[in-house]
C-alpha atoms as a PDB file:
ATOM      1  CA  MET A   1     -28.587   2.281  39.924  1.00  0.00           C
ATOM      2  CA  MET A   2     -24.977   2.997  38.898  1.00  0.00           C
ATOM      3  CA  ASN A   3     -23.825  -0.307  40.394  1.00  0.00           C
ATOM      4  CA  LYS A   4     -26.471  -2.188  38.418  1.00  0.00           C
ATOM      5  CA  LEU A   5     -25.404  -0.465  35.201  1.00  0.00           C
ATOM      6  CA  ILE A   6     -21.727  -1.250  35.795  1.00  0.00           C
ATOM      7  CA  LYS A   7     -22.599  -4.846  36.656  1.00  0.00           C
ATOM      8  CA  TYR A   8     -24.708  -5.161  33.496  1.00  0.00           C
ATOM      9  CA  LYS A   9     -21.901  -3.868  31.293  1.00  0.00           C
ATOM     10  CA  LEU A  10     -19.419  -6.077  33.094  1.00  0.00           C
ATOM     11  CA  ASN A  11     -21.560  -9.148  32.423  1.00  0.00           C
ATOM     12  CA  ILE A  12     -21.573  -8.318  28.722  1.00  0.00           C
ATOM     13  CA  TRP A  13     -17.826  -7.794  28.446  1.00  0.00           C
ATOM     14  CA  SER A  14     -17.052 -10.826  30.600  1.00  0.00           C
ATOM     15  CA  TYR A  15     -19.211 -12.905  28.290  1.00  0.00           C
ATOM     16  CA  ILE A  16     -17.423 -11.537  25.222  1.00  0.00           C
ATOM     17  CA  ALA A  17     -14.063 -12.246  26.812  1.00  0.00           C
ATOM     18  CA  LEU A  18     -15.075 -15.810  27.606  1.00  0.00           C
ATOM     19  CA  MET A  19     -16.229 -16.380  24.047  1.00  0.00           C
ATOM     20  CA  LEU A  20     -13.002 -15.014  22.623  1.00  0.00           C
ATOM     21  CA  VAL A  21     -10.650 -17.064  24.739  1.00  0.00           C
ATOM     22  CA  SER A  22     -12.649 -20.290  24.613  1.00  0.00           C
ATOM     23  CA  GLY A  23     -12.856 -20.290  20.812  1.00  0.00           C
ATOM     24  CA  ALA A  24     -16.599 -20.915  20.929  1.00  0.00           C
ATOM     25  CA  ALA A  25     -17.710 -17.631  19.428  1.00  0.00           C
ATOM     26  CA  GLY A  26     -18.004 -19.046  15.923  1.00  0.00           C
ATOM     27  CA  ALA A  27     -16.160 -16.008  14.573  1.00  0.00           C
ATOM     28  CA  GLN A  28     -14.065 -16.193  11.463  1.00  0.00           C
ATOM     29  CA  ASP A  29     -10.332 -16.667  11.254  1.00  0.00           C
ATOM     30  CA  LEU A  30      -7.979 -13.736  10.909  1.00  0.00           C
ATOM     31  CA  HIS A  31      -8.244 -11.960   7.594  1.00  0.00           C
ATOM     32  CA  PHE A  32      -6.884  -9.092   5.509  1.00  0.00           C
ATOM     33  CA  THR A  33      -8.790  -6.702   3.278  1.00  0.00           C
ATOM     34  CA  GLN A  34      -5.888  -6.993   0.818  1.00  0.00           C
ATOM     35  CA  PHE A  35      -6.510 -10.688   0.237  1.00  0.00           C
ATOM     36  CA  MET A  36      -4.941 -10.407  -3.222  1.00  0.00           C
ATOM     37  CA  ASN A  37      -1.653  -9.392  -1.578  1.00  0.00           C
ATOM     38  CA  ASN A  38      -1.701 -12.393   0.786  1.00  0.00           C
ATOM     39  CA  PRO A  39      -2.040 -15.240  -1.737  1.00  0.00           C
ATOM     40  CA  LEU A  40      -0.842 -18.115   0.463  1.00  0.00           C
ATOM     41  CA  LEU A  41      -3.365 -17.199   3.173  1.00  0.00           C
ATOM     42  CA  THR A  42      -6.158 -17.030   0.582  1.00  0.00           C
ATOM     43  CA  ASN A  43      -5.469 -20.474  -0.922  1.00  0.00           C
ATOM     44  CA  PRO A  44      -2.477 -22.852  -0.595  1.00  0.00           C
ATOM     45  CA  ALA A  45      -2.798 -23.610  -4.337  1.00  0.00           C
ATOM     46  CA  ASN A  46      -1.471 -20.069  -4.891  1.00  0.00           C
ATOM     47  CA  THR A  47       1.956 -21.208  -3.665  1.00  0.00           C
ATOM     48  CA  GLY A  48       4.326 -20.594  -6.559  1.00  0.00           C
ATOM     49  CA  PHE A  49       1.475 -19.350  -8.748  1.00  0.00           C
ATOM     50  CA  ASN A  50       3.315 -16.368 -10.134  1.00  0.00           C
ATOM     51  CA  PRO A  51       3.454 -16.674 -13.942  1.00  0.00           C
ATOM     52  CA  ASP A  52       5.627 -13.582 -14.520  1.00  0.00           C
ATOM     53  CA  ASN A  53       8.256 -14.195 -11.823  1.00  0.00           C
ATOM     54  CA  ASP A  54      10.159 -16.976 -10.055  1.00  0.00           C
ATOM     55  CA  TYR A  55       9.680 -15.858  -6.453  1.00  0.00           C
ATOM     56  CA  ARG A  56       7.815 -13.433  -4.168  1.00  0.00           C
ATOM     57  CA  ILE A  57       8.394 -12.154  -0.638  1.00  0.00           C
ATOM     58  CA  GLY A  58       5.669 -10.219   1.160  1.00  0.00           C
ATOM     59  CA  VAL A  59       4.677  -8.658   4.478  1.00  0.00           C
ATOM     60  CA  SER A  60       1.331  -7.298   5.702  1.00  0.00           C
ATOM     61  CA  TYR A  61       0.207  -5.343   8.752  1.00  0.00           C
ATOM     62  CA  ARG A  62      -3.367  -4.574   9.872  1.00  0.00           C
ATOM     63  CA  ASN A  63      -4.357  -2.302  12.751  1.00  0.00           C
ATOM     64  CA  GLN A  64      -8.067  -2.428  13.607  1.00  0.00           C
ATOM     65  CA  TRP A  65     -10.277  -0.503  16.041  1.00  0.00           C
ATOM     66  CA  GLN A  66      -7.716   2.114  17.046  1.00  0.00           C
ATOM     67  CA  SER A  67     -10.208   3.595  19.535  1.00  0.00           C
ATOM     68  CA  PHE A  68      -9.770   0.527  21.756  1.00  0.00           C
ATOM     69  CA  PRO A  69      -7.243   0.933  24.600  1.00  0.00           C
ATOM     70  CA  VAL A  70      -5.376  -1.964  22.952  1.00  0.00           C
ATOM     71  CA  PRO A  71      -6.091  -2.088  19.177  1.00  0.00           C
ATOM     72  CA  TYR A  72      -6.307  -5.398  17.326  1.00  0.00           C
ATOM     73  CA  LYS A  73      -3.148  -6.017  15.295  1.00  0.00           C
ATOM     74  CA  THR A  74      -2.520  -8.656  12.642  1.00  0.00           C
ATOM     75  CA  MET A  75       0.843  -9.210  10.951  1.00  0.00           C
ATOM     76  CA  ALA A  76       1.988 -11.655   8.282  1.00  0.00           C
ATOM     77  CA  ALA A  77       5.226 -12.497   6.488  1.00  0.00           C
ATOM     78  CA  TRP A  78       5.291 -14.923   3.585  1.00  0.00           C
ATOM     79  CA  GLY A  79       7.259 -16.043   0.580  1.00  0.00           C
ATOM     80  CA  ASP A  80       7.165 -18.590  -2.233  1.00  0.00           C
ATOM     81  CA  VAL A  81       9.322 -19.795  -5.106  1.00  0.00           C
ATOM     82  CA  GLN A  82       8.921 -21.877  -8.266  1.00  0.00           C
ATOM     83  CA  LEU A  83      10.942 -25.081  -8.609  1.00  0.00           C
ATOM     84  CA  MET A  84      11.566 -27.738 -11.284  1.00  0.00           C
ATOM     85  CA  ARG A  85      10.448 -25.661 -14.252  1.00  0.00           C
ATOM     86  CA  GLU A  86      13.270 -27.259 -16.247  1.00  0.00           C
ATOM     87  CA  SER A  87      12.420 -30.875 -15.385  1.00  0.00           C
ATOM     88  CA  ILE A  88       8.600 -30.915 -15.413  1.00  0.00           C
ATOM     89  CA  GLN A  89       7.029 -30.665 -18.840  1.00  0.00           C
ATOM     90  CA  ASN A  90       4.559 -27.758 -18.945  1.00  0.00           C
ATOM     91  CA  GLY A  91       4.451 -27.535 -15.184  1.00  0.00           C
ATOM     92  CA  TRP A  92       6.296 -26.715 -11.982  1.00  0.00           C
ATOM     93  CA  ILE A  93       6.211 -27.028  -8.193  1.00  0.00           C
ATOM     94  CA  GLY A  94       5.760 -24.125  -5.798  1.00  0.00           C
ATOM     95  CA  VAL A  95       7.016 -24.123  -2.207  1.00  0.00           C
ATOM     96  CA  GLY A  96       6.589 -21.410   0.388  1.00  0.00           C
ATOM     97  CA  GLY A  97       5.836 -20.478   3.945  1.00  0.00           C
ATOM     98  CA  VAL A  98       3.745 -18.100   6.075  1.00  0.00           C
ATOM     99  CA  ILE A  99       4.115 -16.623   9.544  1.00  0.00           C
ATOM    100  CA  LEU A 100       0.913 -15.085  10.937  1.00  0.00           C
ATOM    101  CA  ARG A 101       0.731 -13.130  14.190  1.00  0.00           C
ATOM    102  CA  ASP A 102      -2.299 -11.551  15.852  1.00  0.00           C
ATOM    103  CA  GLU A 103      -2.759  -9.569  19.078  1.00  0.00           C
ATOM    104  CA  ALA A 104      -6.317  -8.989  20.236  1.00  0.00           C
ATOM    105  CA  GLY A 105      -7.560  -6.737  22.995  1.00  0.00           C
ATOM    106  CA  ASP A 106      -6.870  -6.079  26.675  1.00  0.00           C
ATOM    107  CA  GLY A 107      -6.605  -9.744  27.634  1.00  0.00           C
ATOM    108  CA  GLY A 108      -3.349 -10.246  25.789  1.00  0.00           C
ATOM    109  CA  LEU A 109      -4.874 -12.864  23.496  1.00  0.00           C
ATOM    110  CA  LYS A 110      -2.080 -13.655  21.039  1.00  0.00           C
ATOM    111  CA  SER A 111      -2.043 -16.069  18.136  1.00  0.00           C
ATOM    112  CA  THR A 112       1.006 -17.237  16.189  1.00  0.00           C
ATOM    113  CA  LYS A 113       0.768 -19.561  13.198  1.00  0.00           C
ATOM    114  CA  ILE A 114       3.626 -20.950  11.107  1.00  0.00           C
ATOM    115  CA  TYR A 115       2.845 -22.865   7.908  1.00  0.00           C
ATOM    116  CA  GLY A 116       4.826 -24.602   5.201  1.00  0.00           C
ATOM    117  CA  SER A 117       3.116 -24.778   1.817  1.00  0.00           C
ATOM    118  CA  VAL A 118       3.551 -26.760  -1.421  1.00  0.00           C
ATOM    119  CA  ALA A 119       1.596 -26.748  -4.693  1.00  0.00           C
ATOM    120  CA  TYR A 120       1.758 -28.441  -8.079  1.00  0.00           C
ATOM    121  CA  HIS A 121       0.934 -26.482 -11.246  1.00  0.00           C
ATOM    122  CA  GLN A 122       0.191 -28.159 -14.575  1.00  0.00           C
ATOM    123  CA  GLU A 123      -0.699 -26.601 -17.915  1.00  0.00           C
ATOM    124  CA  LEU A 124      -3.797 -28.071 -19.580  1.00  0.00           C
ATOM    125  CA  GLY A 125      -3.316 -27.340 -23.243  1.00  0.00           C
ATOM    126  CA  LEU A 126      -3.144 -23.826 -24.582  1.00  0.00           C
ATOM    127  CA  GLY A 127      -3.974 -21.097 -22.127  1.00  0.00           C
ATOM    128  CA  SER A 128      -5.121 -23.155 -19.102  1.00  0.00           C
ATOM    129  CA  LEU A 129      -3.418 -24.007 -15.820  1.00  0.00           C
ATOM    130  CA  LEU A 130      -4.637 -26.212 -12.949  1.00  0.00           C
ATOM    131  CA  SER A 131      -3.046 -26.062  -9.505  1.00  0.00           C
ATOM    132  CA  PHE A 132      -3.412 -28.084  -6.306  1.00  0.00           C
ATOM    133  CA  GLY A 133      -1.833 -27.111  -3.009  1.00  0.00           C
ATOM    134  CA  VAL A 134      -1.673 -27.962   0.677  1.00  0.00           C
ATOM    135  CA  ASN A 135      -0.155 -26.298   3.672  1.00  0.00           C
ATOM    136  CA  MET A 136       0.536 -27.628   7.119  1.00  0.00           C
ATOM    137  CA  GLY A 137       1.698 -25.881  10.218  1.00  0.00           C
ATOM    138  CA  TYR A 138       1.492 -25.224  13.913  1.00  0.00           C
ATOM    139  CA  ALA A 139      -0.840 -22.765  15.626  1.00  0.00           C
ATOM    140  CA  ASN A 140      -0.189 -21.385  19.103  1.00  0.00           C
ATOM    141  CA  LYS A 141      -2.464 -19.191  21.244  1.00  0.00           C
ATOM    142  CA  THR A 142      -1.816 -17.555  24.600  1.00  0.00           C
ATOM    143  CA  VAL A 143      -3.910 -15.379  26.911  1.00  0.00           C
ATOM    144  CA  ASP A 144      -3.344 -13.561  30.205  1.00  0.00           C
ATOM    145  CA  PHE A 145      -6.500 -14.062  32.272  1.00  0.00           C
ATOM    146  CA  LEU A 146      -5.253 -11.666  34.958  1.00  0.00           C
ATOM    147  CA  LYS A 147      -5.692  -8.767  32.526  1.00  0.00           C
ATOM    148  CA  PHE A 148      -9.463  -9.321  32.352  1.00  0.00           C
ATOM    149  CA  LYS A 149     -11.965  -7.838  34.781  1.00  0.00           C
ATOM    150  CA  TRP A 150     -14.630 -10.271  36.059  1.00  0.00           C
ATOM    151  CA  GLU A 151     -18.001  -9.802  37.723  1.00  0.00           C
ATOM    152  CA  ASN A 152     -17.024 -11.377  41.032  1.00  0.00           C
ATOM    153  CA  GLN A 153     -14.076  -8.942  41.307  1.00  0.00           C
ATOM    154  CA  TRP A 154     -16.462  -5.955  41.549  1.00  0.00           C
ATOM    155  CA  ASN A 155     -16.998  -5.144  45.231  1.00  0.00           C
ATOM    156  CA  GLY A 156     -19.471  -2.317  44.658  1.00  0.00           C
ATOM    157  CA  LYS A 157     -16.853   0.423  44.506  1.00  0.00           C
ATOM    158  CA  PHE A 158     -13.904  -0.881  42.490  1.00  0.00           C
ATOM    159  CA  PHE A 159     -12.418  -4.029  40.965  1.00  0.00           C
ATOM    160  CA  ASP A 160     -10.488  -6.100  43.482  1.00  0.00           C
ATOM    161  CA  SER A 161      -7.615  -7.620  41.499  1.00  0.00           C
ATOM    162  CA  ASP A 162      -6.850 -10.034  44.343  1.00  0.00           C
ATOM    163  CA  ALA A 163     -10.269 -11.689  44.102  1.00  0.00           C
ATOM    164  CA  ALA A 164     -10.526 -14.973  42.222  1.00  0.00           C
ATOM    165  CA  ILE A 165     -11.833 -14.680  38.688  1.00  0.00           C
ATOM    166  CA  GLY A 166     -14.399 -17.413  39.261  1.00  0.00           C
ATOM    167  CA  GLU A 167     -13.711 -19.157  35.955  1.00  0.00           C
ATOM    168  CA  ASN A 168     -12.199 -22.615  35.599  1.00  0.00           C
ATOM    169  CA  PHE A 169      -9.559 -22.177  32.899  1.00  0.00           C
ATOM    170  CA  ALA A 170      -7.087 -25.034  32.605  1.00  0.00           C
ATOM    171  CA  TYR A 171      -4.581 -23.507  30.198  1.00  0.00           C
ATOM    172  CA  SER A 172      -3.223 -20.103  29.297  1.00  0.00           C
ATOM    173  CA  ARG A 173      -1.358 -21.515  26.277  1.00  0.00           C
ATOM    174  CA  ILE A 174      -2.563 -23.987  23.658  1.00  0.00           C
ATOM    175  CA  GLY A 175      -1.177 -25.329  20.380  1.00  0.00           C
ATOM    176  CA  TYR A 176      -2.235 -27.650  17.605  1.00  0.00           C
ATOM    177  CA  LEU A 177      -1.472 -28.933  14.098  1.00  0.00           C
ATOM    178  CA  ASP A 178      -3.422 -27.231  11.307  1.00  0.00           C
ATOM    179  CA  ILE A 179      -3.882 -28.366   7.666  1.00  0.00           C
ATOM    180  CA  GLN A 180      -5.423 -26.665   4.591  1.00  0.00           C
ATOM    181  CA  ALA A 181      -5.934 -27.730   0.965  1.00  0.00           C
ATOM    182  CA  GLY A 182      -7.036 -25.915  -2.185  1.00  0.00           C
ATOM    183  CA  LEU A 183      -7.504 -25.896  -5.967  1.00  0.00           C
ATOM    184  CA  ASN A 184      -6.833 -23.107  -8.441  1.00  0.00           C
ATOM    185  CA  TYR A 185      -7.677 -22.708 -12.138  1.00  0.00           C
ATOM    186  CA  ALA A 186      -6.304 -20.014 -14.443  1.00  0.00           C
ATOM    187  CA  TYR A 187      -7.149 -19.137 -18.030  1.00  0.00           C
ATOM    188  CA  PHE A 188      -4.841 -16.970 -20.120  1.00  0.00           C
ATOM    189  CA  ALA A 189      -7.061 -15.854 -22.999  1.00  0.00           C
ATOM    190  CA  ASN A 190      -4.338 -13.723 -24.622  1.00  0.00           C
ATOM    191  CA  ASP A 191      -1.657 -11.229 -23.639  1.00  0.00           C
ATOM    192  CA  ARG A 192      -4.356  -8.755 -22.547  1.00  0.00           C
ATOM    193  CA  VAL A 193      -6.850 -10.890 -20.592  1.00  0.00           C
ATOM    194  CA  TYR A 194      -6.287 -13.308 -17.709  1.00  0.00           C
ATOM    195  CA  LEU A 195      -8.863 -15.032 -15.470  1.00  0.00           C
ATOM    196  CA  ASN A 196      -8.316 -16.983 -12.271  1.00  0.00           C
ATOM    197  CA  ALA A 197     -10.521 -18.686  -9.663  1.00  0.00           C
ATOM    198  CA  GLY A 198      -9.919 -21.010  -6.740  1.00  0.00           C
ATOM    199  CA  ALA A 199     -11.455 -22.714  -3.713  1.00  0.00           C
ATOM    200  CA  SER A 200     -10.009 -24.154  -0.533  1.00  0.00           C
ATOM    201  CA  ILE A 201     -10.878 -25.834   2.756  1.00  0.00           C
ATOM    202  CA  MET A 202      -9.031 -24.763   5.880  1.00  0.00           C
ATOM    203  CA  HIS A 203      -8.679 -26.707   9.143  1.00  0.00           C
ATOM    204  CA  VAL A 204      -9.362 -30.007   7.345  1.00  0.00           C
ATOM    205  CA  ASN A 205      -8.094 -31.929  10.393  1.00  0.00           C
ATOM    206  CA  LYS A 206     -10.545 -30.027  12.685  1.00  0.00           C
ATOM    207  CA  PRO A 207      -7.991 -29.378  15.452  1.00  0.00           C
ATOM    208  CA  ARG A 208      -9.127 -29.097  19.062  1.00  0.00           C
ATOM    209  CA  GLU A 209      -8.899 -25.535  20.397  1.00  0.00           C
ATOM    210  CA  SER A 210      -9.912 -24.604  23.933  1.00  0.00           C
ATOM    211  CA  PHE A 211      -8.529 -23.128  27.142  1.00  0.00           C
ATOM    212  CA  PHE A 212     -10.828 -25.461  29.123  1.00  0.00           C
ATOM    213  CA  GLN A 213      -9.582 -28.921  30.064  1.00  0.00           C
ATOM    214  CA  ASN A 214     -12.623 -31.020  29.185  1.00  0.00           C
ATOM    215  CA  SER A 215     -13.906 -29.039  26.219  1.00  0.00           C
ATOM    216  CA  ALA A 216     -14.430 -30.830  22.907  1.00  0.00           C
ATOM    217  CA  ASN A 217     -14.419 -27.536  20.985  1.00  0.00           C
ATOM    218  CA  THR A 218     -12.713 -27.832  17.587  1.00  0.00           C
ATOM    219  CA  VAL A 219     -11.863 -25.280  14.911  1.00  0.00           C
ATOM    220  CA  PRO A 220     -14.644 -25.571  12.283  1.00  0.00           C
ATOM    221  CA  PHE A 221     -13.968 -25.957   8.581  1.00  0.00           C
ATOM    222  CA  ARG A 222     -13.448 -22.688   6.752  1.00  0.00           C
ATOM    223  CA  TYR A 223     -14.474 -22.667   3.084  1.00  0.00           C
ATOM    224  CA  THR A 224     -13.020 -19.976   0.847  1.00  0.00           C
ATOM    225  CA  GLY A 225     -13.381 -19.003  -2.778  1.00  0.00           C
ATOM    226  CA  PHE A 226     -11.890 -16.229  -4.871  1.00  0.00           C
ATOM    227  CA  ALA A 227     -11.953 -14.922  -8.436  1.00  0.00           C
ATOM    228  CA  ASN A 228      -9.512 -12.565 -10.145  1.00  0.00           C
ATOM    229  CA  ALA A 229      -9.178 -10.999 -13.563  1.00  0.00           C
ATOM    230  CA  SER A 230      -6.529  -8.830 -15.155  1.00  0.00           C
ATOM    231  CA  ILE A 231      -7.430  -6.767 -18.220  1.00  0.00           C
ATOM    232  CA  LYS A 232      -4.932  -4.637 -20.111  1.00  0.00           C
ATOM    233  CA  LEU A 233      -6.898  -1.754 -21.585  1.00  0.00           C
ATOM    234  CA  ASN A 234      -3.915  -0.123 -23.313  1.00  0.00           C
ATOM    235  CA  ASP A 235      -0.225   0.582 -22.768  1.00  0.00           C
ATOM    236  CA  TYR A 236      -1.028   2.702 -19.715  1.00  0.00           C
ATOM    237  CA  TRP A 237      -3.879   0.979 -17.865  1.00  0.00           C
ATOM    238  CA  ILE A 238      -4.408  -2.498 -16.391  1.00  0.00           C
ATOM    239  CA  VAL A 239      -7.631  -3.100 -14.442  1.00  0.00           C
ATOM    240  CA  SER A 240      -8.011  -6.046 -12.040  1.00  0.00           C
ATOM    241  CA  PRO A 241     -11.462  -6.792 -10.596  1.00  0.00           C
ATOM    242  CA  ASN A 242     -11.464  -9.456  -7.879  1.00  0.00           C
ATOM    243  CA  ALA A 243     -13.634 -10.958  -5.143  1.00  0.00           C
ATOM    244  CA  TYR A 244     -13.174 -13.154  -2.085  1.00  0.00           C
ATOM    245  CA  TYR A 245     -15.735 -15.204  -0.133  1.00  0.00           C
ATOM    246  CA  SER A 246     -15.323 -17.080   3.123  1.00  0.00           C
ATOM    247  CA  TYR A 247     -17.709 -19.184   5.219  1.00  0.00           C
ATOM    248  CA  GLN A 248     -17.023 -20.582   8.676  1.00  0.00           C
ATOM    249  CA  ALA A 249     -19.369 -21.662  11.470  1.00  0.00           C
ATOM    250  CA  LYS A 250     -22.384 -19.828   9.972  1.00  0.00           C
ATOM    251  CA  ALA A 251     -20.335 -16.623   9.633  1.00  0.00           C
ATOM    252  CA  SER A 252     -19.597 -15.385   6.126  1.00  0.00           C
ATOM    253  CA  GLU A 253     -17.539 -12.661   4.522  1.00  0.00           C
ATOM    254  CA  LEU A 254     -17.691 -11.290   0.979  1.00  0.00           C
ATOM    255  CA  VAL A 255     -15.162  -8.724  -0.252  1.00  0.00           C
ATOM    256  CA  ALA A 256     -15.341  -7.425  -3.815  1.00  0.00           C
ATOM    257  CA  GLY A 257     -13.833  -4.572  -5.764  1.00  0.00           C
ATOM    258  CA  ALA A 258     -11.118  -3.686  -8.252  1.00  0.00           C
ATOM    259  CA  MET A 259      -7.718  -2.095  -8.474  1.00  0.00           C
ATOM    260  CA  ALA A 260      -6.077  -0.315 -11.398  1.00  0.00           C
ATOM    261  CA  GLN A 261      -2.416   0.075 -12.353  1.00  0.00           C
ATOM    262  CA  TYR A 262      -1.247   3.140 -14.259  1.00  0.00           C
ATOM    263  CA  ASN A 263       2.039   3.017 -16.164  1.00  0.00           C
ATOM    264  CA  LEU A 264       3.859   6.167 -15.012  1.00  0.00           C
ATOM    265  CA  SER A 265       7.263   5.478 -16.562  1.00  0.00           C
ATOM    266  CA  GLY A 266       6.128   4.087 -19.907  1.00  0.00           C
ATOM    267  CA  ASP A 267       8.185   0.888 -19.505  1.00  0.00           C
ATOM    268  CA  GLY A 268       6.254  -0.475 -16.513  1.00  0.00           C
ATOM    269  CA  ASP A 269       9.054   0.009 -13.970  1.00  0.00           C
ATOM    270  CA  LEU A 270       7.046   2.671 -12.134  1.00  0.00           C
ATOM    271  CA  GLN A 271       3.306   2.192 -11.633  1.00  0.00           C
ATOM    272  CA  LEU A 272       0.638   4.001  -9.633  1.00  0.00           C
ATOM    273  CA  ILE A 273      -1.988   1.773  -7.982  1.00  0.00           C
ATOM    274  CA  GLY A 274      -5.507   2.688  -6.865  1.00  0.00           C
ATOM    275  CA  GLY A 275      -8.595   0.720  -5.950  1.00  0.00           C
ATOM    276  CA  ALA A 276     -11.812   0.393  -3.986  1.00  0.00           C
ATOM    277  CA  TYR A 277     -13.328  -2.591  -2.131  1.00  0.00           C
ATOM    278  CA  TYR A 278     -16.467  -3.340  -0.167  1.00  0.00           C
ATOM    279  CA  ARG A 279     -16.900  -5.935   2.578  1.00  0.00           C
ATOM    280  CA  VAL A 280     -20.631  -6.626   2.358  1.00  0.00           C
ATOM    281  CA  GLY A 281     -22.504  -5.384   5.401  1.00  0.00           C
ATOM    282  CA  ASP A 282     -19.357  -4.229   7.177  1.00  0.00           C
ATOM    283  CA  ALA A 283     -16.915  -1.769   5.599  1.00  0.00           C
ATOM    284  CA  ALA A 284     -15.821   0.122   2.499  1.00  0.00           C
ATOM    285  CA  ALA A 285     -12.099   0.340   1.742  1.00  0.00           C
ATOM    286  CA  GLY A 286      -9.981   2.582  -0.448  1.00  0.00           C
ATOM    287  CA  MET A 287      -6.575   1.529  -1.769  1.00  0.00           C
ATOM    288  CA  ILE A 288      -3.553   3.492  -2.920  1.00  0.00           C
ATOM    289  CA  GLY A 289      -0.095   2.236  -3.749  1.00  0.00           C
ATOM    290  CA  ILE A 290       2.941   2.263  -5.978  1.00  0.00           C
ATOM    291  CA  GLU A 291       5.131  -0.310  -7.702  1.00  0.00           C
ATOM    292  CA  TRP A 292       8.736   0.454  -8.502  1.00  0.00           C
ATOM    293  CA  ASN A 293      11.363  -1.963  -9.815  1.00  0.00           C
ATOM    294  CA  LYS A 294       9.204  -5.000  -8.893  1.00  0.00           C
ATOM    295  CA  ILE A 295       8.492  -3.805  -5.349  1.00  0.00           C
ATOM    296  CA  ARG A 296       4.806  -3.155  -4.705  1.00  0.00           C
ATOM    297  CA  VAL A 297       3.630  -1.146  -1.690  1.00  0.00           C
ATOM    298  CA  SER A 298      -0.072  -0.595  -1.011  1.00  0.00           C
ATOM    299  CA  PHE A 299      -2.198   0.911   1.729  1.00  0.00           C
ATOM    300  CA  THR A 300      -5.912   0.500   2.472  1.00  0.00           C
ATOM    301  CA  TYR A 301      -8.256   2.036   5.015  1.00  0.00           C
ATOM    302  CA  ASP A 302     -11.491   0.306   6.005  1.00  0.00           C
ATOM    303  CA  ALA A 303     -14.320   2.671   6.943  1.00  0.00           C
ATOM    304  CA  THR A 304     -16.973   0.835   8.938  1.00  0.00           C
ATOM    305  CA  VAL A 305     -20.472   1.213   7.483  1.00  0.00           C
ATOM    306  CA  SER A 306     -22.350  -1.230   9.726  1.00  0.00           C
ATOM    307  CA  ASN A 307     -23.945  -0.477  13.111  1.00  0.00           C
ATOM    308  CA  VAL A 308     -20.696  -1.527  14.770  1.00  0.00           C
ATOM    309  CA  ARG A 309     -19.429   2.022  14.192  1.00  0.00           C
ATOM    310  CA  ASN A 310     -21.902   3.230  16.842  1.00  0.00           C
ATOM    311  CA  TYR A 311     -20.100   1.193  19.504  1.00  0.00           C
ATOM    312  CA  VAL A 312     -16.538   0.918  18.180  1.00  0.00           C
ATOM    313  CA  PRO A 313     -15.582   4.107  16.311  1.00  0.00           C
ATOM    314  CA  GLY A 314     -12.752   3.969  13.801  1.00  0.00           C
ATOM    315  CA  GLY A 315     -11.947   1.507  11.080  1.00  0.00           C
ATOM    316  CA  ALA A 316      -8.860  -0.454  10.094  1.00  0.00           C
ATOM    317  CA  MET A 317      -5.583   0.508   8.438  1.00  0.00           C
ATOM    318  CA  GLU A 318      -3.712  -2.055   6.396  1.00  0.00           C
ATOM    319  CA  PHE A 319      -0.290  -2.037   4.740  1.00  0.00           C
ATOM    320  CA  SER A 320       1.382  -4.570   2.444  1.00  0.00           C
ATOM    321  CA  MET A 321       4.673  -4.826   0.562  1.00  0.00           C
ATOM    322  CA  ILE A 322       5.684  -7.470  -1.996  1.00  0.00           C
ATOM    323  CA  LYS A 323       9.006  -8.014  -3.754  1.00  0.00           C
ATOM    324  CA  PHE A 324       8.849  -9.932  -7.053  1.00  0.00           C
ATOM    325  CA  GLY A 325      11.961 -11.516  -8.554  1.00  0.00           C
ATOM    326  CA  SER A 326      13.363 -13.789 -11.259  1.00  0.00           C
ATOM    327  CA  PHE A 327      16.424 -16.036 -11.468  1.00  0.00           C
ATOM    328  CA  ASN A 328      17.020 -15.430 -15.195  1.00  0.00           C
ATOM    329  CA  THR A 329      17.321 -19.169 -15.862  1.00  0.00           C
ATOM    330  CA  GLY A 330      16.248 -18.818 -19.485  1.00  0.00           C
ATOM    331  CA  VAL A 331      13.317 -21.210 -19.061  1.00  0.00           C
ATOM    332  CA  PRO A 332      10.600 -20.018 -21.488  1.00  0.00           C
ATOM    333  CA  ARG A 333       7.224 -19.040 -20.071  1.00  0.00           C
ATOM    334  CA  SER A 334       4.290 -20.152 -22.167  1.00  0.00           C
ATOM    335  CA  MET A 335       1.821 -18.247 -19.969  1.00  0.00           C
ATOM    336  CA  ARG A 336       2.078 -14.666 -18.754  1.00  0.00           C
ATOM    337  CA  CYS A 337      -0.304 -12.254 -17.094  1.00  0.00           C
ATOM    338  CA  PRO A 338      -1.055  -8.925 -18.813  1.00  0.00           C
ATOM    339  CA  THR A 339       1.846  -6.598 -18.126  1.00  0.00           C
ATOM    340  CA  PHE A 340       3.371  -3.340 -19.304  1.00  0.00           C
END
């Protein structure tokens, strides 16, 4: 009876492992709860979309399912800068780049993606801005099949690591070119209200991704949309509701919530940040952070609310840091977000 139970569980986990490494699971791409603090991953049209500053540099780290022997870890580093504000009438160009790294589970499945990004931003009369952006890069994935345990390795008493795994994998490392494109529209109603929305398509070239030699599996399109608002209530409070939606291979994700900034110093140099978000059907997240001298640090914790918590206890911790900066070129800014 015990052998049958172990074999049953092994079949399940072997199947999950196969789905993960073959790319056929239909699961979504890597993601962060703090989508607003990873703008280039949310939409390439966000490259250089930073009305109050000339450049940004950011890092993010996510640790999920700490109860696993090997937790899932996702890391990102990114940056962007505005160019040609002096030479383009009522517009500018944004350029940037992203490095994304993910480590998933016992099998040593690792993903590294490096993208370069460019966007064009053009004012449309008073208070409106339209942006278009693309990014292109290289994605690499590796896996160590020897770290998995397979059904045919179970001899009734223990796993025989010398036994063949019984699966016909052709590669342990794959790589491909990846392309994304997006649009972004912003409306600056006045110095107290700002609205922004965008949409993008990721994997527009549908790259082939498989560890099997003859597989025709490709990365499906990923459609994303987001909406932000920033409302200055008074000299001490700015509230920013926002939402993010993603759809890929019949899997969808909707995250919505709001964060608030409180002016601790009176001049805006020191701000306290708090917020709450909900990933529909999955998790609730609380946010806390601080901004000092144009460096913003924020932390979120995702508490799982779905049935997954019965099988995988624990949620996800996420950290982000962004440095904002200006070159003091003297170029006037006709549009600014609400600020202290």
